[in-house]
Amino acid sequence: MSWISYAAPTVTHTIDCVVSSLQSSLHNIGVTQHSHVVAIWLFFAGCGVLQLCLSSLICTPIERIWPLTSWPQRNPIAADVTYAFFVRIVLFPLVAFFEYDWLRQQLDGVFLGHSLTPPSLVALVPALVSWPLLSFCIYFAILDCSDYWRHRLSHRYGWWYGVHSVHHAEDQMTFWSDERSHVLEDAITYLWLIAVGLLIGVPSFQFPFVILGFRFVGSLAHSNTRISYGWLGDHIFISPRFHRTHHALKAAGRRSCNFGTALSWWDILFGTAKFQDNTVETGDAGAEPAMVTGSWAAQQAAGFRRMARLARRGRKAHAPRATS
């Protein structure tokens, strides 16, 4: 199957078998039209839900056994949970595979139509074809570096932070807080990562698993626990302690640090890492209450309102002063 090229033979065979089994099951219940597309959709939706379940199985006990803090009354998390499953079942397969795969085919067609080699790390380093796991790790690291810069820029520009602050408004941070996001920011994030993925030639089947890897590490990083990964681990992966500093109440907006998504290397390399911190309180003092405890729709509307306010403030701050 061309959509799983550049994969280890065992991985290729496993995915092929799962998709074929799903397609056979669809045939058995009378779904024959577009059964292959539906089977692939079900496969990636299943992977997304499996990632959520795995995060829950790991994070729920550690938050209960080694919690960092507790609250007399918990904020509602129904909106975060519902959105998490909606993203995994609907948006994730649609954007991370089908949209990415379609765009990649179009881009490859343009390059091949002009007798050019499509952009790809494998084309630059052909030996990577024989090392699919290594190539996946390289893709993961490059996309993580690009997401570091996306995240850092989202704190730099007021309008962008307006929607990003939906995520930062959470003052009772748990592993479900990773799912709290604005739809506009999700769109920007996917477009950003898709552009970089196309530029370096990430295979269509690998791109969704890179995204799931980000989400898995992100859910662990947002968990309400005292656990760290130790000196070495914290200098490789984003730990709960490291990322909680990013969400500190005093670090909202441009004052933040620790922008990494999965790997802490980029914060170390670009001078934004802060390890010696014991942040407990999280949130954003400038966020309106709807961002904290409102429904999903209320959070989205509040994000748009704050984006507009910060955009106007930014224009006023950069407006040229009249000379006397």
C-alpha atoms as a PDB file:
ATOM      1  CA  MET A   1       0.000   0.000   0.000  1.00  0.00           C
ATOM      2  CA  SER A   2       1.538   3.309  -1.091  1.00  0.00           C
ATOM      3  CA  TRP A   3       0.092   5.212   1.847  1.00  0.00           C
ATOM      4  CA  ILE A   4       2.314   3.288   4.261  1.00  0.00           C
ATOM      5  CA  SER A   5       5.585   3.552   2.368  1.00  0.00           C
ATOM      6  CA  TYR A   6       8.883   3.968   4.197  1.00  0.00           C
ATOM      7  CA  ALA A   7       7.657   1.859   7.129  1.00  0.00           C
ATOM      8  CA  ALA A   8       9.239  -1.144   8.789  1.00  0.00           C
ATOM      9  CA  PRO A   9       7.900  -4.360   7.180  1.00  0.00           C
ATOM     10  CA  THR A  10       6.282  -5.535  10.425  1.00  0.00           C
ATOM     11  CA  VAL A  11       4.539  -2.183  10.898  1.00  0.00           C
ATOM     12  CA  THR A  12       3.432  -2.151   7.269  1.00  0.00           C
ATOM     13  CA  HIS A  13       2.042  -5.666   7.558  1.00  0.00           C
ATOM     14  CA  THR A  14       0.260  -4.913  10.843  1.00  0.00           C
ATOM     15  CA  ILE A  15      -1.431  -1.747   9.595  1.00  0.00           C
ATOM     16  CA  ASP A  16      -2.353  -3.427   6.330  1.00  0.00           C
ATOM     17  CA  CYS A  17      -3.956  -6.328   8.229  1.00  0.00           C
ATOM     18  CA  VAL A  18      -5.917  -4.033  10.557  1.00  0.00           C
ATOM     19  CA  VAL A  19      -7.251  -1.896   7.704  1.00  0.00           C
ATOM     20  CA  SER A  20      -8.113  -5.005   5.663  1.00  0.00           C
ATOM     21  CA  SER A  21      -9.949  -6.507   8.645  1.00  0.00           C
ATOM     22  CA  LEU A  22     -11.924  -3.310   9.139  1.00  0.00           C
ATOM     23  CA  GLN A  23     -12.784  -3.238   5.452  1.00  0.00           C
ATOM     24  CA  SER A  24     -13.985  -6.859   5.575  1.00  0.00           C
ATOM     25  CA  SER A  25     -16.132  -6.060   8.604  1.00  0.00           C
ATOM     26  CA  LEU A  26     -17.677  -3.137   6.744  1.00  0.00           C
ATOM     27  CA  HIS A  27     -18.469  -5.402   3.813  1.00  0.00           C
ATOM     28  CA  ASN A  28     -20.127  -7.864   6.176  1.00  0.00           C
ATOM     29  CA  ILE A  29     -22.527  -5.204   7.432  1.00  0.00           C
ATOM     30  CA  GLY A  30     -23.310  -3.963   3.945  1.00  0.00           C
ATOM     31  CA  VAL A  31     -20.964  -0.978   3.699  1.00  0.00           C
ATOM     32  CA  THR A  32     -19.241  -1.448   0.350  1.00  0.00           C
ATOM     33  CA  GLN A  33     -19.067   2.037  -1.137  1.00  0.00           C
ATOM     34  CA  HIS A  34     -15.882   3.832  -0.067  1.00  0.00           C
ATOM     35  CA  SER A  35     -15.225   0.982   2.375  1.00  0.00           C
ATOM     36  CA  HIS A  36     -11.447   1.416   2.105  1.00  0.00           C
ATOM     37  CA  VAL A  37     -11.652   5.110   3.001  1.00  0.00           C
ATOM     38  CA  VAL A  38     -13.998   4.376   5.893  1.00  0.00           C
ATOM     39  CA  ALA A  39     -11.665   1.600   7.103  1.00  0.00           C
ATOM     40  CA  ILE A  40      -8.697   3.971   7.145  1.00  0.00           C
ATOM     41  CA  TRP A  41     -10.819   6.563   8.957  1.00  0.00           C
ATOM     42  CA  LEU A  42     -11.800   3.985  11.590  1.00  0.00           C
ATOM     43  CA  PHE A  43      -8.177   2.921  11.949  1.00  0.00           C
ATOM     44  CA  PHE A  44      -6.888   6.406  12.728  1.00  0.00           C
ATOM     45  CA  ALA A  45      -9.913   7.285  14.849  1.00  0.00           C
ATOM     46  CA  GLY A  46      -9.246   4.119  16.826  1.00  0.00           C
ATOM     47  CA  CYS A  47      -5.589   5.084  17.242  1.00  0.00           C
ATOM     48  CA  GLY A  48      -6.657   8.505  18.501  1.00  0.00           C
ATOM     49  CA  VAL A  49      -9.103   7.092  21.031  1.00  0.00           C
ATOM     50  CA  LEU A  50      -6.509   4.505  22.102  1.00  0.00           C
ATOM     51  CA  GLN A  51      -4.039   7.324  22.792  1.00  0.00           C
ATOM     52  CA  LEU A  52      -6.623   9.091  24.960  1.00  0.00           C
ATOM     53  CA  CYS A  53      -7.364   5.896  26.878  1.00  0.00           C
ATOM     54  CA  LEU A  54      -3.655   5.205  27.394  1.00  0.00           C
ATOM     55  CA  SER A  55      -3.100   8.742  28.685  1.00  0.00           C
ATOM     56  CA  SER A  56      -6.039   8.332  31.058  1.00  0.00           C
ATOM     57  CA  LEU A  57      -4.810   4.956  32.333  1.00  0.00           C
ATOM     58  CA  ILE A  58      -1.405   6.450  33.125  1.00  0.00           C
ATOM     59  CA  CYS A  59      -2.317   9.942  34.320  1.00  0.00           C
ATOM     60  CA  THR A  60      -5.411   9.225  36.415  1.00  0.00           C
ATOM     61  CA  PRO A  61      -3.618   7.028  39.011  1.00  0.00           C
ATOM     62  CA  ILE A  62      -0.527   9.241  39.255  1.00  0.00           C
ATOM     63  CA  GLU A  63      -2.708  12.328  39.796  1.00  0.00           C
ATOM     64  CA  ARG A  64      -4.503  10.525  42.604  1.00  0.00           C
ATOM     65  CA  ILE A  65      -1.438   8.941  44.227  1.00  0.00           C
ATOM     66  CA  TRP A  66       1.091  11.777  43.777  1.00  0.00           C
ATOM     67  CA  PRO A  67      -0.994  14.952  43.260  1.00  0.00           C
ATOM     68  CA  LEU A  68       0.690  18.327  43.216  1.00  0.00           C
ATOM     69  CA  THR A  69      -2.355  20.139  44.511  1.00  0.00           C
ATOM     70  CA  SER A  70      -6.048  19.580  45.240  1.00  0.00           C
ATOM     71  CA  TRP A  71      -9.100  21.782  45.029  1.00  0.00           C
ATOM     72  CA  PRO A  72     -12.178  21.949  47.276  1.00  0.00           C
ATOM     73  CA  GLN A  73     -14.358  22.093  44.175  1.00  0.00           C
ATOM     74  CA  ARG A  74     -13.338  20.881  40.738  1.00  0.00           C
ATOM     75  CA  ASN A  75     -13.959  22.935  37.631  1.00  0.00           C
ATOM     76  CA  PRO A  76     -16.098  21.152  35.029  1.00  0.00           C
ATOM     77  CA  ILE A  77     -14.045  19.174  32.499  1.00  0.00           C
ATOM     78  CA  ALA A  78     -16.920  17.880  30.354  1.00  0.00           C
ATOM     79  CA  ALA A  79     -16.089  20.368  27.591  1.00  0.00           C
ATOM     80  CA  ASP A  80     -12.447  19.261  27.487  1.00  0.00           C
ATOM     81  CA  VAL A  81     -13.331  15.550  27.447  1.00  0.00           C
ATOM     82  CA  THR A  82     -16.004  15.967  24.767  1.00  0.00           C
ATOM     83  CA  TYR A  83     -13.726  18.055  22.564  1.00  0.00           C
ATOM     84  CA  ALA A  84     -10.887  15.555  23.020  1.00  0.00           C
ATOM     85  CA  PHE A  85     -12.978  12.689  21.682  1.00  0.00           C
ATOM     86  CA  PHE A  86     -14.423  14.842  18.891  1.00  0.00           C
ATOM     87  CA  VAL A  87     -10.933  15.786  17.770  1.00  0.00           C
ATOM     88  CA  ARG A  88      -9.662  12.188  17.864  1.00  0.00           C
ATOM     89  CA  ILE A  89     -12.656  10.708  16.070  1.00  0.00           C
ATOM     90  CA  VAL A  90     -13.421  13.455  13.535  1.00  0.00           C
ATOM     91  CA  LEU A  91     -10.769  16.140  13.108  1.00  0.00           C
ATOM     92  CA  PHE A  92      -7.672  14.035  13.676  1.00  0.00           C
ATOM     93  CA  PRO A  93      -8.302  11.466  10.885  1.00  0.00           C
ATOM     94  CA  LEU A  94      -9.687  14.157   8.580  1.00  0.00           C
ATOM     95  CA  VAL A  95      -6.789  16.600   8.902  1.00  0.00           C
ATOM     96  CA  ALA A  96      -3.783  14.543  10.032  1.00  0.00           C
ATOM     97  CA  PHE A  97      -4.227  11.849   7.400  1.00  0.00           C
ATOM     98  CA  PHE A  98      -6.763  12.579   4.657  1.00  0.00           C
ATOM     99  CA  GLU A  99      -6.021  16.301   4.268  1.00  0.00           C
ATOM    100  CA  TYR A 100      -2.286  15.798   4.683  1.00  0.00           C
ATOM    101  CA  ASP A 101      -2.236  12.856   2.243  1.00  0.00           C
ATOM    102  CA  TRP A 102      -4.235  14.816  -0.358  1.00  0.00           C
ATOM    103  CA  LEU A 103      -1.945  17.837  -0.081  1.00  0.00           C
ATOM    104  CA  ARG A 104       1.114  15.641  -0.318  1.00  0.00           C
ATOM    105  CA  GLN A 105      -0.188  13.990  -3.479  1.00  0.00           C
ATOM    106  CA  GLN A 106      -0.883  17.410  -5.002  1.00  0.00           C
ATOM    107  CA  LEU A 107       2.571  18.687  -4.078  1.00  0.00           C
ATOM    108  CA  ASP A 108       4.283  15.557  -5.404  1.00  0.00           C
ATOM    109  CA  GLY A 109       2.284  15.894  -8.625  1.00  0.00           C
ATOM    110  CA  VAL A 110       3.460  19.470  -9.127  1.00  0.00           C
ATOM    111  CA  PHE A 111       7.119  18.568  -8.586  1.00  0.00           C
ATOM    112  CA  LEU A 112       7.000  15.421 -10.709  1.00  0.00           C
ATOM    113  CA  GLY A 113       5.140  17.344 -13.425  1.00  0.00           C
ATOM    114  CA  HIS A 114       8.182  19.609 -13.661  1.00  0.00           C
ATOM    115  CA  SER A 115      10.617  16.664 -13.505  1.00  0.00           C
ATOM    116  CA  LEU A 116      11.684  17.633 -10.005  1.00  0.00           C
ATOM    117  CA  THR A 117      12.144  15.448  -6.956  1.00  0.00           C
ATOM    118  CA  PRO A 118       9.534  16.164  -4.251  1.00  0.00           C
ATOM    119  CA  PRO A 119      11.048  17.601  -1.054  1.00  0.00           C
ATOM    120  CA  SER A 120      11.998  14.823   1.348  1.00  0.00           C
ATOM    121  CA  LEU A 121      14.663  13.942   3.876  1.00  0.00           C
ATOM    122  CA  VAL A 122      14.761  10.473   2.347  1.00  0.00           C
ATOM    123  CA  ALA A 123      15.716  12.031  -0.997  1.00  0.00           C
ATOM    124  CA  LEU A 124      18.555  13.915   0.713  1.00  0.00           C
ATOM    125  CA  VAL A 125      19.658  10.911   2.760  1.00  0.00           C
ATOM    126  CA  PRO A 126      18.620   7.740   0.883  1.00  0.00           C
ATOM    127  CA  ALA A 127      20.005   5.529   3.667  1.00  0.00           C
ATOM    128  CA  LEU A 128      17.024   6.528   5.819  1.00  0.00           C
ATOM    129  CA  VAL A 129      14.864   4.202   3.713  1.00  0.00           C
ATOM    130  CA  SER A 130      16.587   1.298   5.459  1.00  0.00           C
ATOM    131  CA  TRP A 131      16.084   2.877   8.894  1.00  0.00           C
ATOM    132  CA  PRO A 132      12.347   3.688   9.173  1.00  0.00           C
ATOM    133  CA  LEU A 133      12.388   4.049  12.961  1.00  0.00           C
ATOM    134  CA  LEU A 134      15.315   6.476  12.796  1.00  0.00           C
ATOM    135  CA  SER A 135      13.611   8.478  10.055  1.00  0.00           C
ATOM    136  CA  PHE A 136      10.429   8.647  12.154  1.00  0.00           C
ATOM    137  CA  CYS A 137      12.422   9.958  15.147  1.00  0.00           C
ATOM    138  CA  ILE A 138      14.055  12.586  12.935  1.00  0.00           C
ATOM    139  CA  TYR A 139      10.686  13.673  11.574  1.00  0.00           C
ATOM    140  CA  PHE A 140       9.348  13.789  15.128  1.00  0.00           C
ATOM    141  CA  ALA A 141      12.225  15.991  16.309  1.00  0.00           C
ATOM    142  CA  ILE A 142      11.988  18.413  13.373  1.00  0.00           C
ATOM    143  CA  LEU A 143       8.221  18.797  13.709  1.00  0.00           C
ATOM    144  CA  ASP A 144       8.629  19.260  17.457  1.00  0.00           C
ATOM    145  CA  CYS A 145      11.170  22.026  16.842  1.00  0.00           C
ATOM    146  CA  SER A 146       8.775  23.718  14.444  1.00  0.00           C
ATOM    147  CA  ASP A 147       5.966  23.453  17.005  1.00  0.00           C
ATOM    148  CA  TYR A 148       8.242  25.005  19.622  1.00  0.00           C
ATOM    149  CA  TRP A 149       8.514  28.101  17.419  1.00  0.00           C
ATOM    150  CA  ARG A 150       4.792  28.123  16.677  1.00  0.00           C
ATOM    151  CA  HIS A 151       4.084  28.001  20.409  1.00  0.00           C
ATOM    152  CA  ARG A 152       6.658  30.669  21.174  1.00  0.00           C
ATOM    153  CA  LEU A 153       5.232  33.002  18.524  1.00  0.00           C
ATOM    154  CA  SER A 154       1.715  32.455  19.883  1.00  0.00           C
ATOM    155  CA  HIS A 155       2.915  34.164  23.074  1.00  0.00           C
ATOM    156  CA  ARG A 156       4.581  36.964  21.125  1.00  0.00           C
ATOM    157  CA  TYR A 157       1.654  38.331  19.123  1.00  0.00           C
ATOM    158  CA  GLY A 158      -1.349  39.660  21.024  1.00  0.00           C
ATOM    159  CA  TRP A 159      -4.116  38.486  18.677  1.00  0.00           C
ATOM    160  CA  TRP A 160      -2.601  35.005  18.607  1.00  0.00           C
ATOM    161  CA  TYR A 161      -2.270  34.844  22.370  1.00  0.00           C
ATOM    162  CA  GLY A 162      -5.907  35.880  22.600  1.00  0.00           C
ATOM    163  CA  VAL A 163      -7.010  32.483  21.299  1.00  0.00           C
ATOM    164  CA  HIS A 164      -4.088  30.627  22.886  1.00  0.00           C
ATOM    165  CA  SER A 165      -5.104  31.983  26.280  1.00  0.00           C
ATOM    166  CA  VAL A 166      -8.101  29.624  26.249  1.00  0.00           C
ATOM    167  CA  HIS A 167      -5.527  26.960  26.975  1.00  0.00           C
ATOM    168  CA  HIS A 168      -3.706  29.041  29.592  1.00  0.00           C
ATOM    169  CA  ALA A 169      -6.840  30.095  31.461  1.00  0.00           C
ATOM    170  CA  GLU A 170      -7.078  26.731  33.223  1.00  0.00           C
ATOM    171  CA  ASP A 171      -6.383  27.242  36.939  1.00  0.00           C
ATOM    172  CA  GLN A 172      -6.925  23.573  37.843  1.00  0.00           C
ATOM    173  CA  MET A 173      -4.517  21.925  35.454  1.00  0.00           C
ATOM    174  CA  THR A 174      -4.816  18.169  34.876  1.00  0.00           C
ATOM    175  CA  PHE A 175      -3.933  15.894  31.988  1.00  0.00           C
ATOM    176  CA  TRP A 176      -7.277  16.821  30.376  1.00  0.00           C
ATOM    177  CA  SER A 177      -6.057  20.433  30.193  1.00  0.00           C
ATOM    178  CA  ASP A 178      -3.966  19.474  27.186  1.00  0.00           C
ATOM    179  CA  GLU A 179      -7.225  19.152  25.276  1.00  0.00           C
ATOM    180  CA  ARG A 180      -8.427  22.675  26.134  1.00  0.00           C
ATOM    181  CA  SER A 181      -7.834  24.649  22.986  1.00  0.00           C
ATOM    182  CA  HIS A 182      -9.426  27.154  20.647  1.00  0.00           C
ATOM    183  CA  VAL A 183     -10.568  25.921  17.239  1.00  0.00           C
ATOM    184  CA  LEU A 184      -8.691  28.744  15.503  1.00  0.00           C
ATOM    185  CA  GLU A 185      -5.482  27.783  17.259  1.00  0.00           C
ATOM    186  CA  ASP A 186      -6.039  24.131  16.367  1.00  0.00           C
ATOM    187  CA  ALA A 187      -6.398  25.169  12.734  1.00  0.00           C
ATOM    188  CA  ILE A 188      -3.187  27.223  12.864  1.00  0.00           C
ATOM    189  CA  THR A 189      -1.338  24.371  14.560  1.00  0.00           C
ATOM    190  CA  TYR A 190      -2.396  21.787  11.992  1.00  0.00           C
ATOM    191  CA  LEU A 191      -1.604  24.086   9.058  1.00  0.00           C
ATOM    192  CA  TRP A 192       1.802  24.878  10.572  1.00  0.00           C
ATOM    193  CA  LEU A 193       2.720  21.230  11.135  1.00  0.00           C
ATOM    194  CA  ILE A 194       1.313  20.129   7.775  1.00  0.00           C
ATOM    195  CA  ALA A 195       3.430  22.738   5.977  1.00  0.00           C
ATOM    196  CA  VAL A 196       6.603  21.584   7.734  1.00  0.00           C
ATOM    197  CA  GLY A 197       5.676  17.928   7.251  1.00  0.00           C
ATOM    198  CA  LEU A 198       5.250  18.457   3.503  1.00  0.00           C
ATOM    199  CA  LEU A 199       8.509  20.385   3.329  1.00  0.00           C
ATOM    200  CA  ILE A 200      10.534  17.537   4.864  1.00  0.00           C
ATOM    201  CA  GLY A 201       8.527  14.774   3.213  1.00  0.00           C
ATOM    202  CA  VAL A 202       6.947  13.031   6.180  1.00  0.00           C
ATOM    203  CA  PRO A 203       5.113   9.962   4.791  1.00  0.00           C
ATOM    204  CA  SER A 204       1.334  10.217   4.957  1.00  0.00           C
ATOM    205  CA  PHE A 205       0.912   7.353   7.387  1.00  0.00           C
ATOM    206  CA  GLN A 206       3.644   8.605   9.744  1.00  0.00           C
ATOM    207  CA  PHE A 207       2.335  12.145  10.135  1.00  0.00           C
ATOM    208  CA  PRO A 208      -0.713  11.158  12.253  1.00  0.00           C
ATOM    209  CA  PHE A 209       1.503   9.139  14.602  1.00  0.00           C
ATOM    210  CA  VAL A 210       3.790  12.131  15.113  1.00  0.00           C
ATOM    211  CA  ILE A 211       0.711  14.134  16.145  1.00  0.00           C
ATOM    212  CA  LEU A 212      -0.410  11.364  18.503  1.00  0.00           C
ATOM    213  CA  GLY A 213       3.081  11.300  20.006  1.00  0.00           C
ATOM    214  CA  PHE A 214       2.829  15.026  20.710  1.00  0.00           C
ATOM    215  CA  ARG A 215      -0.584  14.561  22.308  1.00  0.00           C
ATOM    216  CA  PHE A 216       0.580  11.672  24.485  1.00  0.00           C
ATOM    217  CA  VAL A 217       3.601  13.547  25.852  1.00  0.00           C
ATOM    218  CA  GLY A 218       1.433  16.658  26.199  1.00  0.00           C
ATOM    219  CA  SER A 219      -1.176  14.902  28.319  1.00  0.00           C
ATOM    220  CA  LEU A 220       1.540  13.619  30.653  1.00  0.00           C
ATOM    221  CA  ALA A 221       3.099  17.077  30.815  1.00  0.00           C
ATOM    222  CA  HIS A 222      -0.184  18.687  31.901  1.00  0.00           C
ATOM    223  CA  SER A 223      -0.936  16.151  34.630  1.00  0.00           C
ATOM    224  CA  ASN A 224      -1.417  17.379  38.191  1.00  0.00           C
ATOM    225  CA  THR A 225       1.460  15.510  39.808  1.00  0.00           C
ATOM    226  CA  ARG A 226       4.720  16.062  41.640  1.00  0.00           C
ATOM    227  CA  ILE A 227       6.505  13.595  39.362  1.00  0.00           C
ATOM    228  CA  SER A 228       9.464  14.692  37.277  1.00  0.00           C
ATOM    229  CA  TYR A 229      11.584  12.586  34.941  1.00  0.00           C
ATOM    230  CA  GLY A 230      14.827  13.231  36.794  1.00  0.00           C
ATOM    231  CA  TRP A 231      17.659  15.443  35.586  1.00  0.00           C
ATOM    232  CA  LEU A 232      18.304  13.468  32.408  1.00  0.00           C
ATOM    233  CA  GLY A 233      14.666  12.811  31.593  1.00  0.00           C
ATOM    234  CA  ASP A 234      13.681  16.462  32.097  1.00  0.00           C
ATOM    235  CA  HIS A 235      16.454  17.449  29.692  1.00  0.00           C
ATOM    236  CA  ILE A 236      14.959  15.190  27.008  1.00  0.00           C
ATOM    237  CA  PHE A 237      11.174  15.210  27.395  1.00  0.00           C
ATOM    238  CA  ILE A 238       8.688  17.804  28.636  1.00  0.00           C
ATOM    239  CA  SER A 239       7.833  16.718  32.188  1.00  0.00           C
ATOM    240  CA  PRO A 240       4.870  17.849  34.328  1.00  0.00           C
ATOM    241  CA  ARG A 241       7.144  20.012  36.485  1.00  0.00           C
ATOM    242  CA  PHE A 242       8.849  21.593  33.465  1.00  0.00           C
ATOM    243  CA  HIS A 243       5.600  22.373  31.654  1.00  0.00           C
ATOM    244  CA  ARG A 244       3.790  23.604  34.756  1.00  0.00           C
ATOM    245  CA  THR A 245       6.275  26.477  34.850  1.00  0.00           C
ATOM    246  CA  HIS A 246       5.031  27.433  31.394  1.00  0.00           C
ATOM    247  CA  HIS A 247       1.477  27.585  32.772  1.00  0.00           C
ATOM    248  CA  ALA A 248       2.396  29.589  35.876  1.00  0.00           C
ATOM    249  CA  LEU A 249       0.028  32.406  36.755  1.00  0.00           C
ATOM    250  CA  LYS A 250       2.959  34.825  36.720  1.00  0.00           C
ATOM    251  CA  ALA A 251       4.166  33.588  33.335  1.00  0.00           C
ATOM    252  CA  ALA A 252       1.108  34.247  31.157  1.00  0.00           C
ATOM    253  CA  GLY A 253       1.566  35.988  27.827  1.00  0.00           C
ATOM    254  CA  ARG A 254       5.006  37.206  26.788  1.00  0.00           C
ATOM    255  CA  ARG A 255       6.538  36.439  30.181  1.00  0.00           C
ATOM    256  CA  SER A 256       6.300  32.680  29.663  1.00  0.00           C
ATOM    257  CA  CYS A 257       9.053  30.108  29.137  1.00  0.00           C
ATOM    258  CA  ASN A 258       9.364  26.346  28.507  1.00  0.00           C
ATOM    259  CA  PHE A 259       7.558  26.402  25.163  1.00  0.00           C
ATOM    260  CA  GLY A 260       8.446  22.862  24.038  1.00  0.00           C
ATOM    261  CA  THR A 261       5.755  20.398  22.999  1.00  0.00           C
ATOM    262  CA  ALA A 262       7.439  17.032  23.528  1.00  0.00           C
ATOM    263  CA  LEU A 263      11.203  17.613  23.729  1.00  0.00           C
ATOM    264  CA  SER A 264      12.853  20.097  26.080  1.00  0.00           C
ATOM    265  CA  TRP A 265      15.928  20.332  23.823  1.00  0.00           C
ATOM    266  CA  TRP A 266      14.631  23.365  21.976  1.00  0.00           C
ATOM    267  CA  ASP A 267      14.032  25.418  25.116  1.00  0.00           C
ATOM    268  CA  ILE A 268      17.558  24.572  26.228  1.00  0.00           C
ATOM    269  CA  LEU A 269      19.044  25.372  22.808  1.00  0.00           C
ATOM    270  CA  PHE A 270      17.173  28.670  22.349  1.00  0.00           C
ATOM    271  CA  GLY A 271      17.505  29.903  25.929  1.00  0.00           C
ATOM    272  CA  THR A 272      13.898  29.670  27.102  1.00  0.00           C
ATOM    273  CA  ALA A 273      14.260  26.737  29.511  1.00  0.00           C
ATOM    274  CA  LYS A 274      13.596  27.210  33.209  1.00  0.00           C
ATOM    275  CA  PHE A 275      14.148  24.086  35.306  1.00  0.00           C
ATOM    276  CA  GLN A 276      14.516  25.336  38.864  1.00  0.00           C
ATOM    277  CA  ASP A 277      10.932  26.294  39.527  1.00  0.00           C
ATOM    278  CA  ASN A 278       8.231  24.887  41.804  1.00  0.00           C
ATOM    279  CA  THR A 279       5.105  26.389  40.253  1.00  0.00           C
ATOM    280  CA  VAL A 280       1.809  25.364  41.815  1.00  0.00           C
ATOM    281  CA  GLU A 281      -0.688  28.038  40.751  1.00  0.00           C
ATOM    282  CA  THR A 282      -1.606  28.113  37.077  1.00  0.00           C
ATOM    283  CA  GLY A 283      -3.892  30.284  34.982  1.00  0.00           C
ATOM    284  CA  ASP A 284      -4.075  33.682  33.327  1.00  0.00           C
ATOM    285  CA  ALA A 285      -5.175  36.690  35.372  1.00  0.00           C
ATOM    286  CA  GLY A 286      -6.358  38.448  32.204  1.00  0.00           C
ATOM    287  CA  ALA A 287      -8.725  35.673  31.135  1.00  0.00           C
ATOM    288  CA  GLU A 288     -12.423  36.211  31.645  1.00  0.00           C
ATOM    289  CA  PRO A 289     -14.324  33.642  33.758  1.00  0.00           C
ATOM    290  CA  ALA A 290     -15.942  32.076  30.693  1.00  0.00           C
ATOM    291  CA  MET A 291     -12.518  30.816  29.637  1.00  0.00           C
ATOM    292  CA  VAL A 292     -12.070  29.039  32.959  1.00  0.00           C
ATOM    293  CA  THR A 293     -15.422  27.473  33.786  1.00  0.00           C
ATOM    294  CA  GLY A 294     -17.580  28.179  30.749  1.00  0.00           C
ATOM    295  CA  SER A 295     -18.931  25.663  28.278  1.00  0.00           C
ATOM    296  CA  TRP A 296     -16.956  24.809  25.181  1.00  0.00           C
ATOM    297  CA  ALA A 297     -18.895  27.384  23.140  1.00  0.00           C
ATOM    298  CA  ALA A 298     -18.403  30.027  25.843  1.00  0.00           C
ATOM    299  CA  GLN A 299     -14.657  29.378  25.881  1.00  0.00           C
ATOM    300  CA  GLN A 300     -14.467  29.706  22.097  1.00  0.00           C
ATOM    301  CA  ALA A 301     -16.436  32.972  22.108  1.00  0.00           C
ATOM    302  CA  ALA A 302     -14.299  34.375  24.927  1.00  0.00           C
ATOM    303  CA  GLY A 303     -11.171  33.480  22.961  1.00  0.00           C
ATOM    304  CA  PHE A 304     -12.390  35.442  19.946  1.00  0.00           C
ATOM    305  CA  ARG A 305     -13.265  38.423  22.158  1.00  0.00           C
ATOM    306  CA  ARG A 306      -9.839  38.458  23.767  1.00  0.00           C
ATOM    307  CA  MET A 307      -8.170  38.055  20.385  1.00  0.00           C
ATOM    308  CA  ALA A 308      -9.997  41.167  19.159  1.00  0.00           C
ATOM    309  CA  ARG A 309      -9.108  43.154  22.285  1.00  0.00           C
ATOM    310  CA  LEU A 310      -5.422  42.262  22.154  1.00  0.00           C
ATOM    311  CA  ALA A 311      -5.278  42.899  18.412  1.00  0.00           C
ATOM    312  CA  ARG A 312      -6.691  46.418  18.891  1.00  0.00           C
ATOM    313  CA  ARG A 313      -4.277  47.032  21.757  1.00  0.00           C
ATOM    314  CA  GLY A 314      -1.396  45.875  19.567  1.00  0.00           C
ATOM    315  CA  ARG A 315      -2.352  48.248  16.762  1.00  0.00           C
ATOM    316  CA  LYS A 316      -2.537  51.146  19.183  1.00  0.00           C
ATOM    317  CA  ALA A 317       0.833  50.272  20.676  1.00  0.00           C
ATOM    318  CA  HIS A 318       2.457  50.221  17.207  1.00  0.00           C
ATOM    319  CA  ALA A 319       0.652  53.291  15.858  1.00  0.00           C
ATOM    320  CA  PRO A 320       3.080  56.136  14.979  1.00  0.00           C
ATOM    321  CA  ARG A 321       2.968  59.061  17.387  1.00  0.00           C
ATOM    322  CA  ALA A 322       1.907  62.440  16.002  1.00  0.00           C
ATOM    323  CA  THR A 323       4.694  65.000  15.956  1.00  0.00           C
ATOM    324  CA  SER A 324       4.025  68.422  17.420  1.00  0.00           C
END
